[in-house]
Amino acid sequence: MRTNIEIDDKLMADVMAAGGFKTKREAVEAGLKLIKRREAYAAIRAARGTLFWDDSEEAWAQYRASLATEPAASASQAAPAVDAKPAQRLRRKVARGSAA
């Protein structure tokens, strides 16, 4: 979409130099993408305090033990990139009041 806007020349020169942009269009598009990305960051910040992660040795030992007792996955199945099982187990413990 073609749009004509007035932009401060010094500001544009500073942004182009700082970002290594070759054209004004690149600089403006990068700025617009940055503003759009803010919305995703706001959603992540809104989750602050609601996520729980237990990185203790006990949780990892329980997780490894559960892997040893589960049947081996077939070679055609890919392992998940992130597995939250230790945290899920601890969340259940905390909910029951049995975690330290």
Foldseek 3Di string as FASTA:
>chain_A
DDDDDDDDPVVLVVQCVVVVPPDSVVSVVVVVVVVVVVVVVVVVVVCPPVDDADPDPVLVVVVVVVVVPDDDDDPVDDDDPDDRVSVVVVVVCVVVPNDD
